[in-house]
């Protein structure tokens, strides 16, 4: 049993039906488990280019955060 599955660059999987189907199936399988799914992509889910409408709706249902690069002052504060 995994606690977390992380997928970076999800946009690389989009517009490829086999990969979109696999991601859709993974999302659905994890929904009934205790495993969390963390995904990253440069666009918001609403602007993603999904071939499968059901995957698009699942991505839109996810909690989304926009993470911006820190400037030098913010980096100093973080450290």
PDB file of N, CA and C in Angstrom:
ATOM      1  N   UNK A   1       0.837  -1.184   0.000  1.00  0.00           N
ATOM      2  CA  UNK A   1       0.000   0.000   0.000  1.00  0.00           C
ATOM      3  C   UNK A   1       0.881   1.246   0.000  1.00  0.00           C
ATOM      4  N   UNK A   2       0.694   2.101  -0.973  1.00  0.00           N
ATOM      5  CA  UNK A   2       1.431   3.358  -1.071  1.00  0.00           C
ATOM      6  C   UNK A   2       0.631   4.487  -0.434  1.00  0.00           C
ATOM      7  N   UNK A   3       1.334   5.443   0.151  1.00  0.00           N
ATOM      8  CA  UNK A   3       0.674   6.629   0.699  1.00  0.00           C
ATOM      9  C   UNK A   3       0.439   7.685  -0.368  1.00  0.00           C
ATOM     10  N   UNK A   4       1.379   7.741  -1.343  1.00  0.00           N
ATOM     11  CA  UNK A   4       1.347   8.807  -2.333  1.00  0.00           C
ATOM     12  C   UNK A   4       1.935   8.342  -3.650  1.00  0.00           C
ATOM     13  N   UNK A   5       1.302   8.730  -4.735  1.00  0.00           N
ATOM     14  CA  UNK A   5       1.855   8.569  -6.079  1.00  0.00           C
ATOM     15  C   UNK A   5       1.963   9.971  -6.660  1.00  0.00           C
ATOM     16  N   UNK A   6       3.150  10.339  -7.135  1.00  0.00           N
ATOM     17  CA  UNK A   6       3.384  11.664  -7.706  1.00  0.00           C
ATOM     18  C   UNK A   6       3.720  11.525  -9.184  1.00  0.00           C
ATOM     19  N   UNK A   7       3.060  12.314 -10.008  1.00  0.00           N
ATOM     20  CA  UNK A   7       3.309  12.318 -11.449  1.00  0.00           C
ATOM     21  C   UNK A   7       3.621  13.743 -11.864  1.00  0.00           C
ATOM     22  N   UNK A   8       4.826  13.947 -12.370  1.00  0.00           N
ATOM     23  CA  UNK A   8       5.278  15.254 -12.830  1.00  0.00           C
ATOM     24  C   UNK A   8       5.056  15.343 -14.338  1.00  0.00           C
ATOM     25  N   UNK A   9       4.873  16.541 -14.846  1.00  0.00           N
ATOM     26  CA  UNK A   9       4.697  16.771 -16.289  1.00  0.00           C
ATOM     27  C   UNK A   9       3.534  15.984 -16.880  1.00  0.00           C
ATOM     28  N   UNK A  10       2.391  16.067 -16.235  1.00  0.00           N
ATOM     29  CA  UNK A  10       1.196  15.350 -16.703  1.00  0.00           C
ATOM     30  C   UNK A  10       0.856  15.720 -18.146  1.00  0.00           C
ATOM     31  N   UNK A  11       1.190  16.955 -18.546  1.00  0.00           N
ATOM     32  CA  UNK A  11       0.860  17.382 -19.911  1.00  0.00           C
ATOM     33  C   UNK A  11       1.530  16.505 -20.963  1.00  0.00           C
ATOM     34  N   UNK A  12       2.624  15.829 -20.601  1.00  0.00           N
ATOM     35  CA  UNK A  12       3.303  14.927 -21.545  1.00  0.00           C
ATOM     36  C   UNK A  12       2.459  13.687 -21.840  1.00  0.00           C
ATOM     37  N   UNK A  13       1.510  13.382 -20.960  1.00  0.00           N
ATOM     38  CA  UNK A  13       0.636  12.227 -21.150  1.00  0.00           C
ATOM     39  C   UNK A  13      -0.630  12.572 -21.935  1.00  0.00           C
ATOM     40  N   UNK A  14      -0.941  13.844 -22.009  1.00  0.00           N
ATOM     41  CA  UNK A  14      -2.202  14.267 -22.622  1.00  0.00           C
ATOM     42  C   UNK A  14      -2.136  14.170 -24.138  1.00  0.00           C
ATOM     43  N   UNK A  15      -3.301  14.007 -24.728  1.00  0.00           N
ATOM     44  CA  UNK A  15      -3.500  13.859 -26.170  1.00  0.00           C
ATOM     45  C   UNK A  15      -2.888  12.551 -26.683  1.00  0.00           C
ATOM     46  N   UNK A  16      -2.709  11.602 -25.776  1.00  0.00           N
ATOM     47  CA  UNK A  16      -2.304  10.241 -26.109  1.00  0.00           C
ATOM     48  C   UNK A  16      -3.300   9.328 -25.410  1.00  0.00           C
ATOM     49  N   UNK A  17      -4.214   8.769 -26.175  1.00  0.00           N
ATOM     50  CA  UNK A  17      -5.355   8.053 -25.603  1.00  0.00           C
ATOM     51  C   UNK A  17      -4.930   6.947 -24.645  1.00  0.00           C
ATOM     52  N   UNK A  18      -3.885   6.206 -24.977  1.00  0.00           N
ATOM     53  CA  UNK A  18      -3.439   5.117 -24.098  1.00  0.00           C
ATOM     54  C   UNK A  18      -3.005   5.659 -22.735  1.00  0.00           C
ATOM     55  N   UNK A  19      -2.216   6.743 -22.722  1.00  0.00           N
ATOM     56  CA  UNK A  19      -1.746   7.326 -21.473  1.00  0.00           C
ATOM     57  C   UNK A  19      -2.878   8.008 -20.712  1.00  0.00           C
ATOM     58  N   UNK A  20      -3.753   8.685 -21.429  1.00  0.00           N
ATOM     59  CA  UNK A  20      -4.889   9.331 -20.760  1.00  0.00           C
ATOM     60  C   UNK A  20      -5.786   8.289 -20.107  1.00  0.00           C
ATOM     61  N   UNK A  21      -6.010   7.188 -20.799  1.00  0.00           N
ATOM     62  CA  UNK A  21      -6.836   6.114 -20.243  1.00  0.00           C
ATOM     63  C   UNK A  21      -6.181   5.530 -18.997  1.00  0.00           C
ATOM     64  N   UNK A  22      -4.866   5.341 -19.045  1.00  0.00           N
ATOM     65  CA  UNK A  22      -4.140   4.815 -17.884  1.00  0.00           C
ATOM     66  C   UNK A  22      -4.242   5.776 -16.699  1.00  0.00           C
ATOM     67  N   UNK A  23      -4.087   7.070 -16.939  1.00  0.00           N
ATOM     68  CA  UNK A  23      -4.192   8.062 -15.874  1.00  0.00           C
ATOM     69  C   UNK A  23      -5.614   8.115 -15.322  1.00  0.00           C
ATOM     70  N   UNK A  24      -6.597   8.054 -16.190  1.00  0.00           N
ATOM     71  CA  UNK A  24      -8.002   8.032 -15.780  1.00  0.00           C
ATOM     72  C   UNK A  24      -8.282   6.815 -14.894  1.00  0.00           C
ATOM     73  N   UNK A  25      -7.801   5.647 -15.315  1.00  0.00           N
ATOM     74  CA  UNK A  25      -8.010   4.423 -14.537  1.00  0.00           C
ATOM     75  C   UNK A  25      -7.294   4.490 -13.194  1.00  0.00           C
ATOM     76  N   UNK A  26      -6.070   5.031 -13.177  1.00  0.00           N
ATOM     77  CA  UNK A  26      -5.336   5.189 -11.927  1.00  0.00           C
ATOM     78  C   UNK A  26      -6.100   6.102 -10.980  1.00  0.00           C
ATOM     79  N   UNK A  27      -6.568   7.226 -11.487  1.00  0.00           N
ATOM     80  CA  UNK A  27      -7.333   8.172 -10.671  1.00  0.00           C
ATOM     81  C   UNK A  27      -8.533   7.464 -10.034  1.00  0.00           C
ATOM     82  N   UNK A  28      -9.258   6.714 -10.835  1.00  0.00           N
ATOM     83  CA  UNK A  28     -10.450   6.021 -10.327  1.00  0.00           C
ATOM     84  C   UNK A  28     -10.091   4.940  -9.312  1.00  0.00           C
ATOM     85  N   UNK A  29      -9.003   4.212  -9.535  1.00  0.00           N
ATOM     86  CA  UNK A  29      -8.577   3.180  -8.590  1.00  0.00           C
ATOM     87  C   UNK A  29      -8.166   3.791  -7.257  1.00  0.00           C
ATOM     88  N   UNK A  30      -7.480   4.908  -7.309  1.00  0.00           N
ATOM     89  CA  UNK A  30      -7.004   5.533  -6.075  1.00  0.00           C
ATOM     90  C   UNK A  30      -8.116   6.227  -5.298  1.00  0.00           C
ATOM     91  N   UNK A  31      -9.188   6.549  -5.979  1.00  0.00           N
ATOM     92  CA  UNK A  31     -10.297   7.231  -5.321  1.00  0.00           C
ATOM     93  C   UNK A  31     -10.881   6.379  -4.189  1.00  0.00           C
ATOM     94  N   UNK A  32     -10.830   5.070  -4.349  1.00  0.00           N
ATOM     95  CA  UNK A  32     -11.388   4.181  -3.325  1.00  0.00           C
ATOM     96  C   UNK A  32     -10.321   3.632  -2.382  1.00  0.00           C
ATOM     97  N   UNK A  33      -9.098   4.153  -2.490  1.00  0.00           N
ATOM     98  CA  UNK A  33      -8.020   3.698  -1.619  1.00  0.00           C
ATOM     99  C   UNK A  33      -7.566   4.848  -0.727  1.00  0.00           C
ATOM    100  N   UNK A  34      -6.560   4.576   0.085  1.00  0.00           N
ATOM    101  CA  UNK A  34      -6.006   5.618   0.950  1.00  0.00           C
ATOM    102  C   UNK A  34      -4.775   6.266   0.331  1.00  0.00           C
ATOM    103  N   UNK A  35      -4.486   5.948  -0.914  1.00  0.00           N
ATOM    104  CA  UNK A  35      -3.326   6.506  -1.611  1.00  0.00           C
ATOM    105  C   UNK A  35      -3.696   7.850  -2.231  1.00  0.00           C
ATOM    106  N   UNK A  36      -2.849   8.838  -2.013  1.00  0.00           N
ATOM    107  CA  UNK A  36      -3.057  10.172  -2.571  1.00  0.00           C
ATOM    108  C   UNK A  36      -2.342  10.276  -3.916  1.00  0.00           C
ATOM    109  N   UNK A  37      -2.891  11.096  -4.794  1.00  0.00           N
ATOM    110  CA  UNK A  37      -2.297  11.328  -6.112  1.00  0.00           C
ATOM    111  C   UNK A  37      -1.914  12.801  -6.207  1.00  0.00           C
ATOM    112  N   UNK A  38      -0.632  13.054  -6.467  1.00  0.00           N
ATOM    113  CA  UNK A  38      -0.112  14.408  -6.633  1.00  0.00           C
ATOM    114  C   UNK A  38       0.357  14.539  -8.077  1.00  0.00           C
ATOM    115  N   UNK A  39      -0.167  15.526  -8.787  1.00  0.00           N
ATOM    116  CA  UNK A  39       0.181  15.718 -10.193  1.00  0.00           C
ATOM    117  C   UNK A  39       0.649  17.147 -10.398  1.00  0.00           C
ATOM    118  N   UNK A  40       1.572  17.322 -11.352  1.00  0.00           N
ATOM    119  CA  UNK A  40       2.007  18.680 -11.687  1.00  0.00           C
ATOM    120  C   UNK A  40       1.963  18.864 -13.194  1.00  0.00           C
ATOM    121  N   UNK A  41       1.664  20.097 -13.578  1.00  0.00           N
ATOM    122  CA  UNK A  41       1.668  20.488 -14.980  1.00  0.00           C
ATOM    123  C   UNK A  41       1.684  22.006 -15.047  1.00  0.00           C
ATOM    124  N   UNK A  42       2.180  22.556 -16.151  1.00  0.00           N
ATOM    125  CA  UNK A  42       2.325  24.010 -16.209  1.00  0.00           C
ATOM    126  C   UNK A  42       1.012  24.766 -16.399  1.00  0.00           C
ATOM    127  N   UNK A  43      -0.032  24.090 -16.831  1.00  0.00           N
ATOM    128  CA  UNK A  43      -1.326  24.738 -17.054  1.00  0.00           C
ATOM    129  C   UNK A  43      -2.314  24.337 -15.971  1.00  0.00           C
ATOM    130  N   UNK A  44      -3.330  25.131 -15.805  1.00  0.00           N
ATOM    131  CA  UNK A  44      -4.404  24.722 -14.909  1.00  0.00           C
ATOM    132  C   UNK A  44      -5.175  23.584 -15.574  1.00  0.00           C
ATOM    133  N   UNK A  45      -5.817  22.727 -14.785  1.00  0.00           N
ATOM    134  CA  UNK A  45      -6.599  21.644 -15.390  1.00  0.00           C
ATOM    135  C   UNK A  45      -7.646  22.141 -16.393  1.00  0.00           C
ATOM    136  N   UNK A  46      -8.213  23.303 -16.132  1.00  0.00           N
ATOM    137  CA  UNK A  46      -9.221  23.843 -17.051  1.00  0.00           C
ATOM    138  C   UNK A  46      -8.638  24.122 -18.431  1.00  0.00           C
ATOM    139  N   UNK A  47      -7.334  24.405 -18.498  1.00  0.00           N
ATOM    140  CA  UNK A  47      -6.689  24.717 -19.775  1.00  0.00           C
ATOM    141  C   UNK A  47      -5.929  23.532 -20.362  1.00  0.00           C
ATOM    142  N   UNK A  48      -6.048  22.377 -19.731  1.00  0.00           N
ATOM    143  CA  UNK A  48      -5.335  21.202 -20.238  1.00  0.00           C
ATOM    144  C   UNK A  48      -5.995  20.706 -21.523  1.00  0.00           C
ATOM    145  N   UNK A  49      -5.220  20.022 -22.329  1.00  0.00           N
ATOM    146  CA  UNK A  49      -5.676  19.535 -23.633  1.00  0.00           C
ATOM    147  C   UNK A  49      -5.913  18.032 -23.571  1.00  0.00           C
ATOM    148  N   UNK A  50      -6.977  17.633 -22.885  1.00  0.00           N
ATOM    149  CA  UNK A  50      -7.305  16.215 -22.758  1.00  0.00           C
ATOM    150  C   UNK A  50      -8.123  15.737 -23.954  1.00  0.00           C
ATOM    151  N   UNK A  51      -7.833  14.527 -24.368  1.00  0.00           N
ATOM    152  CA  UNK A  51      -8.635  13.889 -25.404  1.00  0.00           C
ATOM    153  C   UNK A  51      -9.893  13.274 -24.789  1.00  0.00           C
ATOM    154  N   UNK A  52      -9.735  12.715 -23.581  1.00  0.00           N
ATOM    155  CA  UNK A  52     -10.856  12.070 -22.900  1.00  0.00           C
ATOM    156  C   UNK A  52     -11.613  13.074 -22.032  1.00  0.00           C
ATOM    157  N   UNK A  53     -12.866  13.321 -22.343  1.00  0.00           N
ATOM    158  CA  UNK A  53     -13.645  14.277 -21.535  1.00  0.00           C
ATOM    159  C   UNK A  53     -13.740  13.875 -20.065  1.00  0.00           C
ATOM    160  N   UNK A  54     -13.808  12.569 -19.787  1.00  0.00           N
ATOM    161  CA  UNK A  54     -13.909  12.123 -18.389  1.00  0.00           C
ATOM    162  C   UNK A  54     -12.639  12.429 -17.607  1.00  0.00           C
ATOM    163  N   UNK A  55     -11.482  12.292 -18.245  1.00  0.00           N
ATOM    164  CA  UNK A  55     -10.226  12.652 -17.575  1.00  0.00           C
ATOM    165  C   UNK A  55     -10.183  14.155 -17.338  1.00  0.00           C
ATOM    166  N   UNK A  56     -10.616  14.920 -18.313  1.00  0.00           N
ATOM    167  CA  UNK A  56     -10.648  16.379 -18.165  1.00  0.00           C
ATOM    168  C   UNK A  56     -11.502  16.780 -16.962  1.00  0.00           C
ATOM    169  N   UNK A  57     -12.639  16.144 -16.799  1.00  0.00           N
ATOM    170  CA  UNK A  57     -13.502  16.477 -15.659  1.00  0.00           C
ATOM    171  C   UNK A  57     -12.861  16.058 -14.343  1.00  0.00           C
ATOM    172  N   UNK A  58     -12.131  14.928 -14.325  1.00  0.00           N
ATOM    173  CA  UNK A  58     -11.436  14.491 -13.112  1.00  0.00           C
ATOM    174  C   UNK A  58     -10.328  15.488 -12.744  1.00  0.00           C
ATOM    175  N   UNK A  59      -9.570  15.934 -13.744  1.00  0.00           N
ATOM    176  CA  UNK A  59      -8.509  16.905 -13.477  1.00  0.00           C
ATOM    177  C   UNK A  59      -9.093  18.208 -12.942  1.00  0.00           C
ATOM    178  N   UNK A  60     -10.225  18.629 -13.502  1.00  0.00           N
ATOM    179  CA  UNK A  60     -10.870  19.862 -13.031  1.00  0.00           C
ATOM    180  C   UNK A  60     -11.401  19.722 -11.616  1.00  0.00           C
ATOM    181  N   UNK A  61     -11.710  18.500 -11.198  1.00  0.00           N
ATOM    182  CA  UNK A  61     -12.240  18.270  -9.856  1.00  0.00           C
ATOM    183  C   UNK A  61     -11.141  18.279  -8.795  1.00  0.00           C
ATOM    184  N   UNK A  62      -9.896  18.200  -9.212  1.00  0.00           N
ATOM    185  CA  UNK A  62      -8.763  18.174  -8.276  1.00  0.00           C
ATOM    186  C   UNK A  62      -8.509  19.554  -7.677  1.00  0.00           C
ATOM    187  N   UNK A  63      -7.986  19.545  -6.483  1.00  0.00           N
ATOM    188  CA  UNK A  63      -7.551  20.779  -5.839  1.00  0.00           C
ATOM    189  C   UNK A  63      -6.295  21.258  -6.552  1.00  0.00           C
ATOM    190  N   UNK A  64      -6.276  22.502  -6.991  1.00  0.00           N
ATOM    191  CA  UNK A  64      -5.155  23.028  -7.780  1.00  0.00           C
ATOM    192  C   UNK A  64      -4.500  24.208  -7.083  1.00  0.00           C
ATOM    193  N   UNK A  65      -3.172  24.272  -7.209  1.00  0.00           N
ATOM    194  CA  UNK A  65      -2.397  25.382  -6.669  1.00  0.00           C
ATOM    195  C   UNK A  65      -1.478  25.899  -7.756  1.00  0.00           C
ATOM    196  N   UNK A  66      -1.351  27.208  -7.859  1.00  0.00           N
ATOM    197  CA  UNK A  66      -0.380  27.821  -8.767  1.00  0.00           C
ATOM    198  C   UNK A  66       0.854  28.160  -7.933  1.00  0.00           C
ATOM    199  N   UNK A  67       1.978  27.612  -8.317  1.00  0.00           N
ATOM    200  CA  UNK A  67       3.219  27.847  -7.589  1.00  0.00           C
ATOM    201  C   UNK A  67       4.128  28.704  -8.460  1.00  0.00           C
ATOM    202  N   UNK A  68       4.436  29.881  -7.975  1.00  0.00           N
ATOM    203  CA  UNK A  68       5.263  30.833  -8.713  1.00  0.00           C
ATOM    204  C   UNK A  68       6.692  30.784  -8.189  1.00  0.00           C
ATOM    205  N   UNK A  69       7.674  31.048  -9.050  1.00  0.00           N
ATOM    206  CA  UNK A  69       9.072  31.103  -8.578  1.00  0.00           C
ATOM    207  C   UNK A  69       9.257  32.227  -7.562  1.00  0.00           C
ATOM    208  N   UNK A  70      10.162  31.994  -6.612  1.00  0.00           N
ATOM    209  CA  UNK A  70      10.455  33.008  -5.606  1.00  0.00           C
ATOM    210  C   UNK A  70      11.468  34.005  -6.148  1.00  0.00           C
ATOM    211  N   UNK A  71      11.306  35.281  -5.755  1.00  0.00           N
ATOM    212  CA  UNK A  71      12.344  36.264  -6.090  1.00  0.00           C
ATOM    213  C   UNK A  71      13.464  36.147  -5.053  1.00  0.00           C
ATOM    214  N   UNK A  72      14.538  36.898  -5.212  1.00  0.00           N
ATOM    215  CA  UNK A  72      15.701  36.776  -4.326  1.00  0.00           C
ATOM    216  C   UNK A  72      15.352  37.056  -2.862  1.00  0.00           C
ATOM    217  N   UNK A  73      14.546  38.069  -2.627  1.00  0.00           N
ATOM    218  CA  UNK A  73      14.160  38.405  -1.248  1.00  0.00           C
ATOM    219  C   UNK A  73      13.350  37.270  -0.628  1.00  0.00           C
ATOM    220  N   UNK A  74      12.438  36.721  -1.372  1.00  0.00           N
ATOM    221  CA  UNK A  74      11.621  35.617  -0.860  1.00  0.00           C
ATOM    222  C   UNK A  74      12.483  34.377  -0.597  1.00  0.00           C
ATOM    223  N   UNK A  75      13.471  34.142  -1.409  1.00  0.00           N
ATOM    224  CA  UNK A  75      14.398  33.022  -1.193  1.00  0.00           C
ATOM    225  C   UNK A  75      15.151  33.201   0.125  1.00  0.00           C
ATOM    226  N   UNK A  76      15.588  34.438   0.405  1.00  0.00           N
ATOM    227  CA  UNK A  76      16.292  34.723   1.660  1.00  0.00           C
ATOM    228  C   UNK A  76      15.374  34.506   2.853  1.00  0.00           C
ATOM    229  N   UNK A  77      14.130  34.937   2.728  1.00  0.00           N
ATOM    230  CA  UNK A  77      13.181  34.739   3.812  1.00  0.00           C
ATOM    231  C   UNK A  77      12.926  33.250   4.064  1.00  0.00           C
ATOM    232  N   UNK A  78      12.852  32.501   3.000  1.00  0.00           N
ATOM    233  CA  UNK A  78      12.624  31.066   3.120  1.00  0.00           C
ATOM    234  C   UNK A  78      13.771  30.371   3.833  1.00  0.00           C
ATOM    235  N   UNK A  79      14.986  30.773   3.480  1.00  0.00           N
ATOM    236  CA  UNK A  79      16.160  30.170   4.123  1.00  0.00           C
ATOM    237  C   UNK A  79      16.250  30.596   5.573  1.00  0.00           C
TER     238      UNK A  79
END
